[in-house]
């Protein structure tokens, strides 16, 4: 499976255009059920708003949905979706809520405003690239625990879990090349007494990227 981009985290943004208030929310979702839940909860929260326009696109299923929620056709959901397509963002759900300020924006003004709402929200949270990471079980002694954690991080990895007993076994995930950099460090730190075991693969997000 090829790498793809997702929102780095959930978040929101807000701006005012000709007295209309636009409030944007964005989420990293992985199913239609998650996306629909986000949309419905936002509609309940902003029940008194004139419009709650939304869109989502999902990587695995290829599902794409959007709604203008009463705005003129093509002026809200599609412009929002276009932002995520242009930025190559998948597994995303976005709702832009509008409180009407009494001044008509026109089709062009609405299109720009809803696109801005989606882009502002994405810029606020950033993006991350989902790629295939390798999982490893890393044994270590208690005296070496913190040092080994630092070495894992220094090689681009993350500690996903830990089992504590007579010793410690860390479940570490590494992006491409990370495990190969870490393995000799583990050998050196333990004077050859410790070696890690491969434990599978998983698609995981990388560090935050600017959009």
Protein backbone atom coordinates (compact mmCIF):
# COMPACT_ATOMS: atom_id res chain seq x y z
CA UNK A 1 0.00 0.00 0.00
CA UNK A 2 1.36 3.42 -0.95
CA UNK A 3 1.93 6.23 1.52
CA UNK A 4 -0.77 8.87 1.86
CA UNK A 5 -1.42 12.05 3.88
CA UNK A 6 -3.92 12.59 6.71
CA UNK A 7 -4.67 15.41 9.17
CA UNK A 8 -2.04 15.34 11.91
CA UNK A 9 -4.66 15.95 14.61
CA UNK A 10 -8.20 17.22 15.13
CA UNK A 11 -8.74 20.96 15.37
CA UNK A 12 -10.68 24.05 14.41
CA UNK A 13 -10.38 27.57 13.05
CA UNK A 14 -12.65 30.58 12.64
CA UNK A 15 -12.95 33.79 10.63
CA UNK A 16 -15.54 36.45 9.79
CA UNK A 17 -16.40 37.46 6.22
CA UNK A 18 -18.82 40.37 5.72
CA UNK A 19 -20.33 39.76 9.15
CA UNK A 20 -20.90 36.03 8.47
CA UNK A 21 -19.06 33.88 11.01
CA UNK A 22 -17.40 30.74 9.65
CA UNK A 23 -16.33 28.07 12.15
CA UNK A 24 -14.36 25.12 10.77
CA UNK A 25 -13.73 21.74 12.40
CA UNK A 26 -11.47 19.03 10.99
CA UNK A 27 -10.91 15.43 12.09
CA UNK A 28 -8.76 12.46 11.14
CA UNK A 29 -11.33 9.68 10.60
CA UNK A 30 -11.03 6.15 9.24
CA UNK A 31 -14.65 5.19 8.50
CA UNK A 32 -17.95 6.65 7.34
CA UNK A 33 -19.38 5.96 10.79
CA UNK A 34 -16.69 8.13 12.40
CA UNK A 35 -17.23 10.90 9.85
CA UNK A 36 -21.01 10.85 10.27
CA UNK A 37 -20.65 10.99 14.04
CA UNK A 38 -18.44 14.09 13.78
CA UNK A 39 -20.93 15.75 11.43
CA UNK A 40 -23.98 14.98 13.59
CA UNK A 41 -22.28 16.14 16.78
CA UNK A 42 -21.28 19.40 15.12
CA UNK A 43 -24.83 19.96 13.87
CA UNK A 44 -26.11 19.47 17.42
CA UNK A 45 -23.50 21.84 18.85
CA UNK A 46 -24.29 24.54 16.28
CA UNK A 47 -28.00 23.83 15.95
CA UNK A 48 -28.78 27.53 15.63
CA UNK A 49 -26.42 28.14 12.71
CA UNK A 50 -27.79 28.80 9.22
CA UNK A 51 -25.58 26.15 7.58
CA UNK A 52 -23.34 23.23 8.61
CA UNK A 53 -21.62 22.27 5.35
CA UNK A 54 -19.39 19.23 5.31
CA UNK A 55 -17.23 16.82 3.35
CA UNK A 56 -15.16 13.72 3.93
CA UNK A 57 -12.90 11.42 1.91
CA UNK A 58 -11.67 8.00 3.01
CA UNK A 59 -8.55 6.25 1.79
CA UNK A 60 -9.28 2.53 2.10
CA UNK A 61 -12.85 2.59 0.79
CA UNK A 62 -12.37 5.46 -1.66
CA UNK A 63 -15.63 6.98 -0.38
CA UNK A 64 -16.10 10.71 -0.98
CA UNK A 65 -19.14 12.64 0.31
CA UNK A 66 -20.07 16.31 0.70
CA UNK A 67 -23.06 18.54 1.40
CA UNK A 68 -23.88 22.20 0.75
CA UNK A 69 -26.51 22.07 3.54
CA UNK A 70 -28.78 24.66 1.95
CA UNK A 71 -26.13 26.89 0.40
CA UNK A 72 -26.36 27.31 -3.41
CA UNK A 73 -25.30 24.11 -5.14
CA UNK A 74 -21.56 23.79 -5.62
CA UNK A 75 -20.58 26.68 -3.33
CA UNK A 76 -19.66 24.84 -0.11
CA UNK A 77 -19.08 21.08 0.10
CA UNK A 78 -17.26 20.71 -3.22
CA UNK A 79 -14.91 23.70 -2.68
CA UNK A 80 -14.06 22.27 0.75
CA UNK A 81 -13.39 18.86 -0.77
CA UNK A 82 -11.22 20.43 -3.46
CA UNK A 83 -8.87 21.71 -0.75
CA UNK A 84 -8.21 18.20 0.56
CA UNK A 85 -7.86 16.76 -2.92
CA UNK A 86 -5.35 19.47 -3.84
CA UNK A 87 -3.36 18.86 -0.63
CA UNK A 88 -3.64 15.06 -1.12
CA UNK A 89 -5.30 14.60 2.28
CA UNK A 90 -7.21 11.37 2.94
CA UNK A 91 -9.16 10.04 5.93
CA UNK A 92 -10.44 13.53 6.64
CA UNK A 93 -13.79 14.95 7.71
CA UNK A 94 -14.46 18.70 7.77
CA UNK A 95 -17.50 20.74 8.79
CA UNK A 96 -17.70 24.48 8.15
CA UNK A 97 -20.48 26.15 10.13
CA UNK A 98 -21.85 29.50 8.98
CA UNK A 99 -23.72 32.02 11.06
CA UNK A 100 -25.26 34.35 8.49
CA UNK A 101 -24.36 37.99 9.06
CA UNK A 102 -27.03 39.60 6.89
CA UNK A 103 -24.87 40.35 3.86
CA UNK A 104 -25.06 38.07 0.81
CA UNK A 105 -21.67 36.86 -0.38
CA UNK A 106 -22.68 35.64 -3.82
CA UNK A 107 -21.66 32.32 -5.35
CA UNK A 108 -18.02 33.32 -5.79
CA UNK A 109 -17.78 34.73 -2.29
CA UNK A 110 -19.30 31.61 -0.77
CA UNK A 111 -16.99 29.33 -2.74
CA UNK A 112 -13.94 31.25 -1.53
CA UNK A 113 -15.18 31.40 2.06
CA UNK A 114 -15.87 27.68 2.39
CA UNK A 115 -12.58 26.80 0.70
CA UNK A 116 -10.82 29.15 3.11
CA UNK A 117 -12.59 27.52 6.04
CA UNK A 118 -11.31 24.07 5.04
CA UNK A 119 -7.78 25.33 4.31
CA UNK A 120 -7.53 27.34 7.53
CA UNK A 121 -8.56 24.29 9.55
CA UNK A 122 -6.02 22.10 7.74
CA UNK A 123 -3.28 24.68 8.24
CA UNK A 124 -4.13 24.80 11.95
CA UNK A 125 -3.66 21.06 12.47
CA UNK A 126 -1.04 20.23 9.85
CA UNK A 127 -0.70 16.93 8.04
CA UNK A 128 1.16 13.65 8.47
CA UNK A 129 2.19 11.00 5.97
CA UNK A 130 0.82 7.53 6.68
CA UNK A 131 3.38 4.90 5.70
CA UNK A 132 4.32 1.33 6.53
CA UNK A 133 6.32 1.05 9.77
CA UNK A 134 7.93 -2.12 11.14
CA UNK A 135 7.11 -3.26 14.69
CA UNK A 136 9.76 -4.74 16.97
CA UNK A 137 9.89 -6.23 20.46
CA UNK A 138 12.89 -4.66 22.16
CA UNK A 139 14.03 -6.29 25.43
CA UNK A 140 15.91 -4.14 27.90
CA UNK A 141 16.97 -4.03 31.52
CA UNK A 142 15.61 -1.46 33.94
CA UNK A 143 18.93 0.43 34.16
CA UNK A 144 18.99 0.80 30.37
CA UNK A 145 15.27 1.58 29.93
CA UNK A 146 15.38 5.37 29.59
CA UNK A 147 18.52 5.30 27.45
CA UNK A 148 17.01 2.78 25.05
CA UNK A 149 13.82 4.83 24.80
CA UNK A 150 15.94 7.82 23.81
CA UNK A 151 17.78 5.77 21.21
CA UNK A 152 14.51 4.55 19.72
CA UNK A 153 13.29 8.14 19.42
CA UNK A 154 16.64 9.24 18.03
CA UNK A 155 16.27 6.72 15.21
CA UNK A 156 12.82 8.06 14.31
CA UNK A 157 10.91 5.36 16.17
CA UNK A 158 8.15 5.47 18.78
CA UNK A 159 7.43 3.24 21.76
CA UNK A 160 3.93 1.82 21.30
CA UNK A 161 3.69 -0.34 24.43
CA UNK A 162 5.73 -1.91 27.22
CA UNK A 163 5.60 -5.10 29.28
CA UNK A 164 7.19 -5.01 32.71
CA UNK A 165 8.46 -8.08 34.53
CA UNK A 166 11.92 -9.22 35.55
CA UNK A 167 12.98 -7.06 32.62
CA UNK A 168 11.16 -4.82 30.17
CA UNK A 169 10.02 -5.54 26.63
CA UNK A 170 9.23 -2.45 24.57
CA UNK A 171 7.04 -2.63 21.48
CA UNK A 172 8.72 -0.14 19.16
CA UNK A 173 7.65 1.06 15.73
CA UNK A 174 10.15 2.36 13.17
CA UNK A 175 9.73 4.06 9.80
CA UNK A 176 11.77 2.81 6.85
CA UNK A 177 15.45 2.54 7.82
CA UNK A 178 14.89 3.29 11.49
CA UNK A 179 15.20 -0.26 12.80
CA UNK A 180 18.43 -0.73 10.86
CA UNK A 181 19.90 2.35 12.55
CA UNK A 182 18.69 1.30 16.00
CA UNK A 183 19.80 -2.36 16.02
CA UNK A 184 23.56 -1.67 16.32
CA UNK A 185 22.88 0.89 19.08
CA UNK A 186 21.02 -1.76 21.08
CA UNK A 187 23.91 -4.19 20.58
CA UNK A 188 26.41 -1.57 21.70
CA UNK A 189 24.45 -0.45 24.77
CA UNK A 190 23.92 -4.03 25.97
CA UNK A 191 27.41 -5.25 25.04
CA UNK A 192 25.78 -7.74 22.72
CA UNK A 193 23.45 -9.11 25.37
CA UNK A 194 20.16 -7.90 23.86
CA UNK A 195 18.59 -8.31 20.44
CA UNK A 196 15.18 -7.26 19.14
CA UNK A 197 12.58 -9.43 17.41
CA UNK A 198 10.41 -8.39 14.48
CA UNK A 199 6.71 -8.20 15.44
CA UNK A 200 4.90 -7.20 12.26
CA UNK A 201 4.04 -4.10 10.28
CA UNK A 202 1.52 -1.27 10.63
CA UNK A 203 0.52 1.88 8.77
CA UNK A 204 1.26 4.80 11.08
CA UNK A 205 1.48 8.60 10.75
CA UNK A 206 4.80 10.35 10.60
CA UNK A 207 5.70 13.75 12.10
CA UNK A 208 3.65 16.90 11.59
CA UNK A 209 4.04 18.57 8.21
CA UNK A 210 3.08 22.09 7.23
CA UNK A 211 0.34 22.41 4.58
